[in-house]
Amino acid sequence: MSPRAGELLLDVIQPMLIAVVPQVVKTVGAEDSDELVQDGMCMAAQAIEVLENQGKELMPRSVAYYTIQRLKSGRRSQYAGRMDAMCPGATLDKQVVMADMEASAPDEAGEELTFGDLLASDGEDAATLAARDIDWSLIEPLLTVRELKVLQSLVEGRGTNEIAFSCQVSAPAVTQAKRRIGRKIAGSWGEGMVREVGRVPAWRAGLRATRPM
């Protein structure tokens, strides 16, 4: 983009988008007017670059007008087509419906479930359980009987004090056992394996993400 085109974008097109977009462009989902203005700036810059490459005259008011029309129709700078379920245009066409993941979902058994519960189960599938059995057989030779008991209790979600009571040892002893288990696993399979065990799955972290206010 040439310096003159950049000046037109900032001095002419941007003020028009700031003044008009919040008044005439309908937001979809989590969008807000500021985001739509920025998206419009990106679309206008793309249009200006095309005009420059084709050697055509730059008409900033026309670029701003057609940018606003595209935004109103549901187009965005990263437009993937109106058949894309994530496209605002698909929502405006009533082809998709935004659903609250925390909303109650119908259940024949009468349980209180949300749509998020239906899509993300905390239970482990057969493949995961089979892989864990294989990993467990590899770990057993590395650990003592007490360390195996501590590890099994950790897998079951028990806390340090509860493990200490069941093993009839002190809480510091359990902490030391956990450190020994970690060192042995890291020594055999590397530090990355220890970090991977405690890592939250990316898909679950995404579900827990919140939009900053």
C-alpha atoms as a PDB file:
ATOM      1  CA  MET A   1       0.000   0.000   0.000  1.00  0.00           C
ATOM      2  CA  SER A   2       1.361   3.395  -0.983  1.00  0.00           C
ATOM      3  CA  PRO A   3       1.772   6.232   1.568  1.00  0.00           C
ATOM      4  CA  ARG A   4      -1.074   8.168  -0.071  1.00  0.00           C
ATOM      5  CA  ALA A   5      -3.386   5.155   0.172  1.00  0.00           C
ATOM      6  CA  GLY A   6      -2.472   4.754   3.838  1.00  0.00           C
ATOM      7  CA  GLU A   7      -3.354   8.394   4.488  1.00  0.00           C
ATOM      8  CA  LEU A   8      -6.730   7.981   2.777  1.00  0.00           C
ATOM      9  CA  LEU A   9      -7.410   4.870   4.833  1.00  0.00           C
ATOM     10  CA  LEU A  10      -6.688   6.613   8.143  1.00  0.00           C
ATOM     11  CA  ASP A  11      -7.898  10.151   7.419  1.00  0.00           C
ATOM     12  CA  VAL A  12     -11.028   9.493   5.340  1.00  0.00           C
ATOM     13  CA  ILE A  13     -12.182   5.882   5.572  1.00  0.00           C
ATOM     14  CA  GLN A  14     -11.565   5.228   9.270  1.00  0.00           C
ATOM     15  CA  PRO A  15     -13.630   8.223  10.537  1.00  0.00           C
ATOM     16  CA  MET A  16     -16.521   7.164   8.289  1.00  0.00           C
ATOM     17  CA  LEU A  17     -16.416   3.602   9.619  1.00  0.00           C
ATOM     18  CA  ILE A  18     -16.246   4.799  13.234  1.00  0.00           C
ATOM     19  CA  ALA A  19     -19.268   7.052  12.707  1.00  0.00           C
ATOM     20  CA  VAL A  20     -21.460   4.708  10.654  1.00  0.00           C
ATOM     21  CA  VAL A  21     -20.669   1.070  11.600  1.00  0.00           C
ATOM     22  CA  PRO A  22     -22.028   1.214  15.198  1.00  0.00           C
ATOM     23  CA  GLN A  23     -25.271   2.707  13.847  1.00  0.00           C
ATOM     24  CA  VAL A  24     -26.061   0.391  10.926  1.00  0.00           C
ATOM     25  CA  VAL A  25     -24.122  -2.892  11.291  1.00  0.00           C
ATOM     26  CA  LYS A  26     -25.732  -5.583  13.425  1.00  0.00           C
ATOM     27  CA  THR A  27     -23.356  -7.453  15.701  1.00  0.00           C
ATOM     28  CA  VAL A  28     -23.454 -11.250  15.800  1.00  0.00           C
ATOM     29  CA  GLY A  29     -22.533 -13.390  18.800  1.00  0.00           C
ATOM     30  CA  ALA A  30     -19.637 -11.913  20.781  1.00  0.00           C
ATOM     31  CA  GLU A  31     -18.866  -9.163  18.265  1.00  0.00           C
ATOM     32  CA  ASP A  32     -18.876  -5.517  19.274  1.00  0.00           C
ATOM     33  CA  SER A  33     -18.796  -2.293  17.281  1.00  0.00           C
ATOM     34  CA  ASP A  34     -15.101  -1.637  17.890  1.00  0.00           C
ATOM     35  CA  GLU A  35     -14.221  -5.060  16.482  1.00  0.00           C
ATOM     36  CA  LEU A  36     -16.408  -4.446  13.434  1.00  0.00           C
ATOM     37  CA  VAL A  37     -14.671  -1.129  12.776  1.00  0.00           C
ATOM     38  CA  GLN A  38     -11.286  -2.832  12.913  1.00  0.00           C
ATOM     39  CA  ASP A  39     -12.556  -5.611  10.673  1.00  0.00           C
ATOM     40  CA  GLY A  40     -13.874  -2.983   8.271  1.00  0.00           C
ATOM     41  CA  MET A  41     -10.471  -1.286   8.247  1.00  0.00           C
ATOM     42  CA  CYS A  42      -8.887  -4.573   7.230  1.00  0.00           C
ATOM     43  CA  MET A  43     -11.446  -5.073   4.444  1.00  0.00           C
ATOM     44  CA  ALA A  44     -10.965  -1.499   3.218  1.00  0.00           C
ATOM     45  CA  ALA A  45      -7.183  -1.960   3.165  1.00  0.00           C
ATOM     46  CA  GLN A  46      -7.626  -5.121   1.105  1.00  0.00           C
ATOM     47  CA  ALA A  47      -9.890  -3.278  -1.330  1.00  0.00           C
ATOM     48  CA  ILE A  48      -7.447  -0.369  -1.661  1.00  0.00           C
ATOM     49  CA  GLU A  49      -4.576  -2.743  -2.351  1.00  0.00           C
ATOM     50  CA  VAL A  50      -6.573  -4.421  -5.133  1.00  0.00           C
ATOM     51  CA  LEU A  51      -7.401  -1.041  -6.690  1.00  0.00           C
ATOM     52  CA  GLU A  52      -3.768   0.037  -6.560  1.00  0.00           C
ATOM     53  CA  ASN A  53      -2.540  -3.206  -8.117  1.00  0.00           C
ATOM     54  CA  GLN A  54      -5.065  -2.765 -10.938  1.00  0.00           C
ATOM     55  CA  GLY A  55      -4.010   0.853 -11.474  1.00  0.00           C
ATOM     56  CA  LYS A  56      -7.493   2.184 -10.752  1.00  0.00           C
ATOM     57  CA  GLU A  57      -8.375   5.471  -9.090  1.00  0.00           C
ATOM     58  CA  LEU A  58      -8.690   5.391  -5.307  1.00  0.00           C
ATOM     59  CA  MET A  59     -12.117   6.605  -4.210  1.00  0.00           C
ATOM     60  CA  PRO A  60     -12.091   6.394  -0.392  1.00  0.00           C
ATOM     61  CA  ARG A  61     -15.776   7.243   0.077  1.00  0.00           C
ATOM     62  CA  SER A  62     -16.799   4.470  -2.307  1.00  0.00           C
ATOM     63  CA  VAL A  63     -14.453   2.033  -0.550  1.00  0.00           C
ATOM     64  CA  ALA A  64     -15.970   2.984   2.821  1.00  0.00           C
ATOM     65  CA  TYR A  65     -19.525   2.627   1.457  1.00  0.00           C
ATOM     66  CA  TYR A  66     -18.998  -0.847   0.024  1.00  0.00           C
ATOM     67  CA  THR A  67     -17.055  -1.935   3.119  1.00  0.00           C
ATOM     68  CA  ILE A  68     -20.036  -0.989   5.292  1.00  0.00           C
ATOM     69  CA  GLN A  69     -22.400  -2.845   2.948  1.00  0.00           C
ATOM     70  CA  ARG A  70     -20.267  -5.967   3.208  1.00  0.00           C
ATOM     71  CA  LEU A  71     -20.239  -5.731   6.992  1.00  0.00           C
ATOM     72  CA  LYS A  72     -24.032  -5.325   7.036  1.00  0.00           C
ATOM     73  CA  SER A  73     -24.435  -8.462   4.905  1.00  0.00           C
ATOM     74  CA  GLY A  74     -22.352 -10.537   7.328  1.00  0.00           C
ATOM     75  CA  ARG A  75     -19.041 -10.498   5.475  1.00  0.00           C
ATOM     76  CA  ARG A  76     -15.833 -10.150   7.460  1.00  0.00           C
ATOM     77  CA  SER A  77     -12.151  -9.764   6.577  1.00  0.00           C
ATOM     78  CA  GLN A  78     -11.577 -13.499   7.108  1.00  0.00           C
ATOM     79  CA  TYR A  79     -14.709 -14.474   5.206  1.00  0.00           C
ATOM     80  CA  ALA A  80     -15.096 -18.214   4.569  1.00  0.00           C
ATOM     81  CA  GLY A  81     -18.491 -18.186   2.855  1.00  0.00           C
ATOM     82  CA  ARG A  82     -22.050 -18.079   4.109  1.00  0.00           C
ATOM     83  CA  MET A  83     -22.176 -21.853   4.541  1.00  0.00           C
ATOM     84  CA  ASP A  84     -19.515 -21.665   7.279  1.00  0.00           C
ATOM     85  CA  ALA A  85     -21.258 -22.215  10.631  1.00  0.00           C
ATOM     86  CA  MET A  86     -18.932 -19.675  12.286  1.00  0.00           C
ATOM     87  CA  CYS A  87     -19.615 -16.994   9.677  1.00  0.00           C
ATOM     88  CA  PRO A  88     -21.825 -14.089  10.873  1.00  0.00           C
ATOM     89  CA  GLY A  89     -23.543 -14.204   7.486  1.00  0.00           C
ATOM     90  CA  ALA A  90     -24.815 -17.705   8.239  1.00  0.00           C
ATOM     91  CA  THR A  91     -26.315 -16.437  11.488  1.00  0.00           C
ATOM     92  CA  LEU A  92     -27.966 -13.487   9.740  1.00  0.00           C
ATOM     93  CA  ASP A  93     -29.406 -15.931   7.176  1.00  0.00           C
ATOM     94  CA  LYS A  94     -30.795 -17.964  10.108  1.00  0.00           C
ATOM     95  CA  GLN A  95     -28.839 -21.004   8.908  1.00  0.00           C
ATOM     96  CA  VAL A  96     -27.231 -21.512  12.318  1.00  0.00           C
ATOM     97  CA  VAL A  97     -28.278 -20.788  15.890  1.00  0.00           C
ATOM     98  CA  MET A  98     -25.942 -19.717  18.695  1.00  0.00           C
ATOM     99  CA  ALA A  99     -26.384 -21.954  21.752  1.00  0.00           C
ATOM    100  CA  ASP A 100     -25.326 -21.309  25.336  1.00  0.00           C
ATOM    101  CA  MET A 101     -23.084 -24.196  26.437  1.00  0.00           C
ATOM    102  CA  GLU A 102     -24.326 -23.697  29.994  1.00  0.00           C
ATOM    103  CA  ALA A 103     -28.005 -23.916  29.026  1.00  0.00           C
ATOM    104  CA  SER A 104     -30.017 -26.911  30.227  1.00  0.00           C
ATOM    105  CA  ALA A 105     -30.259 -29.766  27.755  1.00  0.00           C
ATOM    106  CA  PRO A 106     -33.194 -32.193  27.541  1.00  0.00           C
ATOM    107  CA  ASP A 107     -32.421 -35.557  29.085  1.00  0.00           C
ATOM    108  CA  GLU A 108     -34.695 -38.604  29.134  1.00  0.00           C
ATOM    109  CA  ALA A 109     -33.216 -39.850  32.398  1.00  0.00           C
ATOM    110  CA  GLY A 110     -34.173 -36.624  34.152  1.00  0.00           C
ATOM    111  CA  GLU A 111     -30.585 -35.591  34.976  1.00  0.00           C
ATOM    112  CA  GLU A 112     -29.608 -31.934  35.130  1.00  0.00           C
ATOM    113  CA  LEU A 113     -27.252 -31.649  32.158  1.00  0.00           C
ATOM    114  CA  THR A 114     -25.971 -28.760  30.054  1.00  0.00           C
ATOM    115  CA  PHE A 115     -25.030 -28.767  26.385  1.00  0.00           C
ATOM    116  CA  GLY A 116     -21.401 -28.569  27.512  1.00  0.00           C
ATOM    117  CA  ASP A 117     -21.855 -31.758  29.536  1.00  0.00           C
ATOM    118  CA  LEU A 118     -23.197 -33.550  26.470  1.00  0.00           C
ATOM    119  CA  LEU A 119     -20.240 -32.536  24.289  1.00  0.00           C
ATOM    120  CA  ALA A 120     -17.442 -32.928  26.822  1.00  0.00           C
ATOM    121  CA  SER A 121     -17.550 -36.025  28.971  1.00  0.00           C
ATOM    122  CA  ASP A 122     -15.174 -36.420  31.893  1.00  0.00           C
ATOM    123  CA  GLY A 123     -15.234 -40.188  31.408  1.00  0.00           C
ATOM    124  CA  GLU A 124     -12.380 -41.938  29.644  1.00  0.00           C
ATOM    125  CA  ASP A 125     -12.924 -43.949  26.511  1.00  0.00           C
ATOM    126  CA  ALA A 126     -11.761 -47.540  26.034  1.00  0.00           C
ATOM    127  CA  ALA A 127      -8.652 -46.497  24.111  1.00  0.00           C
ATOM    128  CA  THR A 128      -7.492 -44.218  26.939  1.00  0.00           C
ATOM    129  CA  LEU A 129      -8.063 -46.916  29.551  1.00  0.00           C
ATOM    130  CA  ALA A 130      -6.152 -49.478  27.473  1.00  0.00           C
ATOM    131  CA  ALA A 131      -3.234 -47.084  26.997  1.00  0.00           C
ATOM    132  CA  ARG A 132      -3.173 -46.394  30.733  1.00  0.00           C
ATOM    133  CA  ASP A 133      -2.954 -50.113  31.483  1.00  0.00           C
ATOM    134  CA  ILE A 134       0.039 -50.377  29.166  1.00  0.00           C
ATOM    135  CA  ASP A 135       1.721 -47.356  30.798  1.00  0.00           C
ATOM    136  CA  TRP A 136       0.980 -48.730  34.261  1.00  0.00           C
ATOM    137  CA  SER A 137       2.762 -52.005  33.448  1.00  0.00           C
ATOM    138  CA  LEU A 138       5.827 -49.995  32.429  1.00  0.00           C
ATOM    139  CA  ILE A 139       5.801 -47.942  35.641  1.00  0.00           C
ATOM    140  CA  GLU A 140       5.387 -50.802  38.118  1.00  0.00           C
ATOM    141  CA  PRO A 141       8.990 -52.100  37.868  1.00  0.00           C
ATOM    142  CA  LEU A 142      10.323 -48.612  38.643  1.00  0.00           C
ATOM    143  CA  LEU A 143       8.504 -48.062  41.941  1.00  0.00           C
ATOM    144  CA  THR A 144       8.375 -49.606  45.383  1.00  0.00           C
ATOM    145  CA  VAL A 145       5.154 -51.031  46.824  1.00  0.00           C
ATOM    146  CA  ARG A 146       4.510 -47.876  48.845  1.00  0.00           C
ATOM    147  CA  GLU A 147       5.233 -45.607  45.876  1.00  0.00           C
ATOM    148  CA  LEU A 148       2.815 -47.615  43.757  1.00  0.00           C
ATOM    149  CA  LYS A 149       0.157 -47.211  46.424  1.00  0.00           C
ATOM    150  CA  VAL A 150       0.782 -43.459  46.567  1.00  0.00           C
ATOM    151  CA  LEU A 151       0.617 -43.199  42.782  1.00  0.00           C
ATOM    152  CA  GLN A 152      -2.599 -45.194  42.644  1.00  0.00           C
ATOM    153  CA  SER A 153      -4.132 -42.892  45.255  1.00  0.00           C
ATOM    154  CA  LEU A 154      -3.062 -39.843  43.250  1.00  0.00           C
ATOM    155  CA  VAL A 155      -4.700 -41.287  40.138  1.00  0.00           C
ATOM    156  CA  GLU A 156      -7.908 -41.704  42.148  1.00  0.00           C
ATOM    157  CA  GLY A 157      -7.784 -38.007  43.038  1.00  0.00           C
ATOM    158  CA  ARG A 158      -6.930 -38.312  46.735  1.00  0.00           C
ATOM    159  CA  GLY A 159      -5.143 -35.537  48.598  1.00  0.00           C
ATOM    160  CA  THR A 160      -1.865 -35.748  50.489  1.00  0.00           C
ATOM    161  CA  ASN A 161      -3.427 -36.006  53.944  1.00  0.00           C
ATOM    162  CA  GLU A 162      -5.865 -38.702  52.831  1.00  0.00           C
ATOM    163  CA  ILE A 163      -3.031 -40.722  51.275  1.00  0.00           C
ATOM    164  CA  ALA A 164      -0.953 -40.328  54.447  1.00  0.00           C
ATOM    165  CA  PHE A 165      -3.825 -41.656  56.579  1.00  0.00           C
ATOM    166  CA  SER A 166      -4.447 -44.674  54.328  1.00  0.00           C
ATOM    167  CA  CYS A 167      -0.729 -45.532  54.165  1.00  0.00           C
ATOM    168  CA  GLN A 168      -0.243 -44.811  57.883  1.00  0.00           C
ATOM    169  CA  VAL A 169       2.626 -42.399  57.253  1.00  0.00           C
ATOM    170  CA  SER A 170       3.086 -38.664  57.685  1.00  0.00           C
ATOM    171  CA  ALA A 171       2.092 -36.100  55.067  1.00  0.00           C
ATOM    172  CA  PRO A 172       5.772 -35.078  54.492  1.00  0.00           C
ATOM    173  CA  ALA A 173       6.544 -38.742  53.771  1.00  0.00           C
ATOM    174  CA  VAL A 174       3.858 -38.777  51.096  1.00  0.00           C
ATOM    175  CA  THR A 175       5.287 -35.567  49.614  1.00  0.00           C
ATOM    176  CA  GLN A 176       8.739 -37.140  49.499  1.00  0.00           C
ATOM    177  CA  ALA A 177       7.276 -40.241  47.839  1.00  0.00           C
ATOM    178  CA  LYS A 178       5.622 -38.096  45.168  1.00  0.00           C
ATOM    179  CA  ARG A 179       8.953 -36.399  44.459  1.00  0.00           C
ATOM    180  CA  ARG A 180      10.702 -39.775  44.153  1.00  0.00           C
ATOM    181  CA  ILE A 181       7.977 -40.979  41.767  1.00  0.00           C
ATOM    182  CA  GLY A 182       8.437 -37.871  39.656  1.00  0.00           C
ATOM    183  CA  ARG A 183      12.214 -38.279  39.522  1.00  0.00           C
ATOM    184  CA  LYS A 184      11.937 -41.939  38.517  1.00  0.00           C
ATOM    185  CA  ILE A 185       9.431 -41.254  35.762  1.00  0.00           C
ATOM    186  CA  ALA A 186      11.486 -38.303  34.510  1.00  0.00           C
ATOM    187  CA  GLY A 187      14.643 -40.402  34.590  1.00  0.00           C
ATOM    188  CA  SER A 188      13.048 -43.105  32.434  1.00  0.00           C
ATOM    189  CA  TRP A 189      10.817 -41.086  30.082  1.00  0.00           C
ATOM    190  CA  GLY A 190      12.061 -37.509  30.377  1.00  0.00           C
ATOM    191  CA  GLU A 191      10.791 -34.304  32.019  1.00  0.00           C
ATOM    192  CA  GLY A 192       8.245 -33.827  29.245  1.00  0.00           C
ATOM    193  CA  MET A 193       6.279 -36.862  30.399  1.00  0.00           C
ATOM    194  CA  VAL A 194       5.864 -35.456  33.919  1.00  0.00           C
ATOM    195  CA  ARG A 195       4.606 -32.125  32.531  1.00  0.00           C
ATOM    196  CA  GLU A 196       2.254 -33.895  30.130  1.00  0.00           C
ATOM    197  CA  VAL A 197       0.578 -35.818  32.953  1.00  0.00           C
ATOM    198  CA  GLY A 198      -0.486 -32.616  34.679  1.00  0.00           C
ATOM    199  CA  ARG A 199      -1.333 -30.630  31.553  1.00  0.00           C
ATOM    200  CA  VAL A 200      -4.958 -29.580  31.059  1.00  0.00           C
ATOM    201  CA  PRO A 201      -6.202 -30.747  27.625  1.00  0.00           C
ATOM    202  CA  ALA A 202      -6.300 -27.883  25.119  1.00  0.00           C
ATOM    203  CA  TRP A 203      -9.963 -28.474  24.260  1.00  0.00           C
ATOM    204  CA  ARG A 204     -10.984 -28.187  27.923  1.00  0.00           C
ATOM    205  CA  ALA A 205      -8.879 -25.053  28.434  1.00  0.00           C
ATOM    206  CA  GLY A 206     -10.687 -23.555  25.443  1.00  0.00           C
ATOM    207  CA  LEU A 207     -14.078 -24.281  26.971  1.00  0.00           C
ATOM    208  CA  ARG A 208     -13.019 -22.553  30.181  1.00  0.00           C
ATOM    209  CA  ALA A 209     -11.724 -19.443  28.378  1.00  0.00           C
ATOM    210  CA  THR A 210     -13.608 -16.257  29.156  1.00  0.00           C
ATOM    211  CA  ARG A 211     -13.966 -13.105  27.157  1.00  0.00           C
ATOM    212  CA  PRO A 212     -12.240 -10.089  28.812  1.00  0.00           C
ATOM    213  CA  MET A 213     -14.614  -7.276  29.713  1.00  0.00           C
END
